């Protein structure tokens, strides 16, 4: 009877080892480095609700996440202060597809729990152009001054146009 329990235990151990054979790390990269406003980003892995939202610090990676071998869609939660610029993996062939509009990537995790076989997926974001092009506080008067000068110059130019002594129109 004890040998039967031994073989049952071996079978369960084998099944458990094969069911968690892929390892994924998710990284958040800022471009240029240190340029993102929010210090953390959230990710989800489709079909893995037990993981919930995965918190990833900017310019860092998660701890290795063990998953069964297979394809996984990883989605970045949208952030209004940045735009997803690119997605890459190591090894390169682990990236099956990505969609910048949906901020998602499909990766292939396989090869066991050996850390040398893990898949690292990097989501690279750049600041939203509207955020980086905001004028410094207190500089709005420069815009107003520029518009005023343009309007006055246009009026002055119109007044300077006229006719010469023989009745022909002149332009300056």
Protein backbone atom coordinates (compact mmCIF):
# COMPACT_ATOMS: atom_id res chain seq x y z
CA UNK A 1 0.00 0.00 0.00
CA UNK A 2 2.83 2.41 0.78
CA UNK A 3 4.38 1.92 -2.67
CA UNK A 4 1.03 2.90 -4.23
CA UNK A 5 1.05 6.18 -2.24
CA UNK A 6 4.64 6.74 -3.29
CA UNK A 7 3.75 6.46 -7.02
CA UNK A 8 0.67 8.66 -6.57
CA UNK A 9 2.87 11.29 -4.91
CA UNK A 10 5.39 11.05 -7.78
CA UNK A 11 2.58 11.45 -10.34
CA UNK A 12 1.20 14.56 -8.60
CA UNK A 13 4.69 16.05 -8.31
CA UNK A 14 5.26 15.48 -12.04
CA UNK A 15 1.93 17.04 -12.96
CA UNK A 16 2.59 20.04 -10.72
CA UNK A 17 6.02 20.59 -12.23
CA UNK A 18 4.72 20.43 -15.80
CA UNK A 19 1.76 22.72 -15.10
CA UNK A 20 4.07 25.59 -14.10
CA UNK A 21 6.68 25.35 -16.80
CA UNK A 22 6.81 28.90 -18.18
CA UNK A 23 8.29 31.96 -16.51
CA UNK A 24 7.53 35.56 -17.48
CA UNK A 25 8.93 38.85 -16.24
CA UNK A 26 7.18 42.13 -17.13
CA UNK A 27 9.28 45.28 -17.39
CA UNK A 28 8.27 48.96 -17.71
CA UNK A 29 10.82 51.13 -19.52
CA UNK A 30 10.73 54.92 -19.90
CA UNK A 31 12.09 56.62 -23.02
CA UNK A 32 14.04 58.75 -22.30
CA UNK A 33 15.00 57.22 -18.99
CA UNK A 34 13.27 58.83 -16.01
CA UNK A 35 10.85 60.85 -18.16
CA UNK A 36 7.55 59.27 -17.10
CA UNK A 37 5.31 61.10 -14.61
CA UNK A 38 3.73 58.09 -12.89
CA UNK A 39 6.17 55.93 -10.88
CA UNK A 40 4.12 52.71 -11.34
CA UNK A 41 2.17 51.00 -14.12
CA UNK A 42 -0.35 48.15 -13.94
CA UNK A 43 -0.57 45.07 -16.14
CA UNK A 44 -2.92 42.12 -16.48
CA UNK A 45 -2.38 38.70 -17.97
CA UNK A 46 -5.46 37.39 -19.81
CA UNK A 47 -6.72 34.10 -18.44
CA UNK A 48 -4.87 34.49 -15.15
CA UNK A 49 -7.39 36.26 -12.85
CA UNK A 50 -5.62 35.01 -9.72
CA UNK A 51 -2.75 37.39 -10.55
CA UNK A 52 -5.03 40.44 -10.62
CA UNK A 53 -3.37 43.74 -11.52
CA UNK A 54 0.39 43.42 -11.53
CA UNK A 55 2.21 46.53 -10.27
CA UNK A 56 5.47 47.34 -12.07
CA UNK A 57 7.72 50.28 -11.11
CA UNK A 58 9.06 52.43 -13.96
CA UNK A 59 12.47 51.30 -15.23
CA UNK A 60 12.16 48.00 -13.34
CA UNK A 61 10.72 44.49 -13.73
CA UNK A 62 8.44 42.16 -11.80
CA UNK A 63 9.71 39.10 -10.02
CA UNK A 64 9.51 36.00 -12.24
CA UNK A 65 5.89 34.85 -12.70
CA UNK A 66 5.44 31.07 -13.15
CA UNK A 67 2.73 30.05 -15.61
CA UNK A 68 1.87 26.91 -17.57
CA UNK A 69 3.48 26.71 -21.02
CA UNK A 70 1.46 28.65 -23.55
CA UNK A 71 0.58 31.96 -25.13
CA UNK A 72 -0.30 34.89 -22.87
CA UNK A 73 -1.77 38.27 -23.69
CA UNK A 74 -0.30 40.92 -21.40
CA UNK A 75 -2.09 44.28 -21.30
CA UNK A 76 -0.88 47.55 -19.85
CA UNK A 77 -3.54 49.61 -18.05
CA UNK A 78 -3.83 52.94 -19.93
CA UNK A 79 -2.08 55.95 -18.43
CA UNK A 80 -2.99 59.44 -19.70
CA UNK A 81 0.50 60.83 -19.09
CA UNK A 82 2.31 58.48 -21.47
CA UNK A 83 2.06 56.64 -24.78
CA UNK A 84 3.16 53.05 -25.45
CA UNK A 85 6.02 53.36 -27.91
CA UNK A 86 7.13 49.74 -28.39
CA UNK A 87 7.12 46.22 -26.96
CA UNK A 88 10.00 43.78 -27.04
CA UNK A 89 10.89 40.41 -25.52
CA UNK A 90 13.93 38.44 -24.63
CA UNK A 91 14.33 36.05 -26.28
CA UNK A 92 13.13 37.87 -29.40
CA UNK A 93 11.08 34.96 -30.76
CA UNK A 94 8.86 34.92 -27.65
CA UNK A 95 6.96 37.99 -28.92
CA UNK A 96 4.14 36.65 -31.09
CA UNK A 97 2.31 39.95 -31.64
CA UNK A 98 1.63 43.35 -30.12
CA UNK A 99 -0.89 46.16 -30.50
CA UNK A 100 0.27 49.65 -29.53
CA UNK A 101 -3.29 51.06 -29.61
CA UNK A 102 -4.56 48.41 -27.18
CA UNK A 103 -1.29 48.44 -25.18
CA UNK A 104 -1.08 44.65 -25.33
CA UNK A 105 1.36 41.96 -26.36
CA UNK A 106 1.02 38.23 -26.88
CA UNK A 107 4.04 36.24 -25.73
CA UNK A 108 4.96 32.57 -25.70
CA UNK A 109 6.12 31.19 -22.37
CA UNK A 110 7.77 27.79 -22.47
CA UNK A 111 10.95 26.10 -21.47
CA UNK A 112 10.60 25.34 -17.80
CA UNK A 113 11.15 27.22 -14.60
CA UNK A 114 14.87 27.57 -15.22
CA UNK A 115 15.51 31.33 -15.05
CA UNK A 116 17.71 31.12 -18.14
CA UNK A 117 14.55 30.10 -20.05
CA UNK A 118 12.32 32.89 -18.77
CA UNK A 119 10.64 35.39 -21.09
CA UNK A 120 11.20 39.06 -20.34
CA UNK A 121 8.63 41.36 -21.97
CA UNK A 122 9.40 45.09 -21.95
CA UNK A 123 6.78 47.78 -22.49
CA UNK A 124 8.47 51.07 -23.49
CA UNK A 125 6.55 54.30 -22.91
CA UNK A 126 7.30 57.90 -23.74
CA UNK A 127 5.60 60.96 -22.18
CA UNK A 128 2.42 62.14 -23.89
CA UNK A 129 3.36 65.06 -26.19
CA UNK A 130 0.72 67.31 -24.62
CA UNK A 131 2.34 66.78 -21.22
CA UNK A 132 5.87 67.61 -22.39
CA UNK A 133 4.80 70.70 -24.40
CA UNK A 134 3.07 72.54 -21.54
CA UNK A 135 4.60 76.00 -21.05
CA UNK A 136 6.22 76.83 -17.76
CA UNK A 137 3.90 78.48 -15.24
CA UNK A 138 3.84 82.26 -15.64
CA UNK A 139 4.83 82.26 -19.32
CA UNK A 140 1.34 82.56 -20.82
CA UNK A 141 1.80 86.32 -21.10
CA UNK A 142 4.48 85.65 -23.76
CA UNK A 143 1.89 83.95 -25.95
CA UNK A 144 -0.49 86.89 -25.45
CA UNK A 145 2.27 89.37 -26.25
CA UNK A 146 3.16 87.47 -29.41
CA UNK A 147 -0.45 87.46 -30.60
CA UNK A 148 -0.80 91.17 -29.86
CA UNK A 149 2.37 92.01 -31.80
CA UNK A 150 1.19 89.90 -34.75
CA UNK A 151 -2.20 91.61 -34.76
CA UNK A 152 -0.65 95.11 -34.55
CA UNK A 153 1.90 94.35 -37.24
CA UNK A 154 -0.89 93.16 -39.52
CA UNK A 155 -2.81 96.40 -38.92
CA UNK A 156 0.28 98.57 -39.42
CA UNK A 157 1.14 96.79 -42.64
CA UNK A 158 -2.35 97.37 -44.00
CA UNK A 159 -2.15 101.09 -43.20
CA UNK A 160 1.23 101.50 -44.85
CA UNK A 161 -0.05 100.24 -48.17
CA UNK A 162 -1.35 103.10 -50.26
CA UNK A 163 -0.97 104.90 -53.53
CA UNK A 164 1.94 106.90 -54.82
CA UNK A 165 1.85 110.35 -56.41
CA UNK A 166 0.69 109.05 -59.78
CA UNK A 167 -2.16 106.99 -58.30
CA UNK A 168 -0.58 103.56 -58.39
CA UNK A 169 -0.93 101.28 -55.44
CA UNK A 170 2.29 100.61 -53.50
CA UNK A 171 3.26 97.79 -51.17
CA UNK A 172 6.00 97.85 -48.61
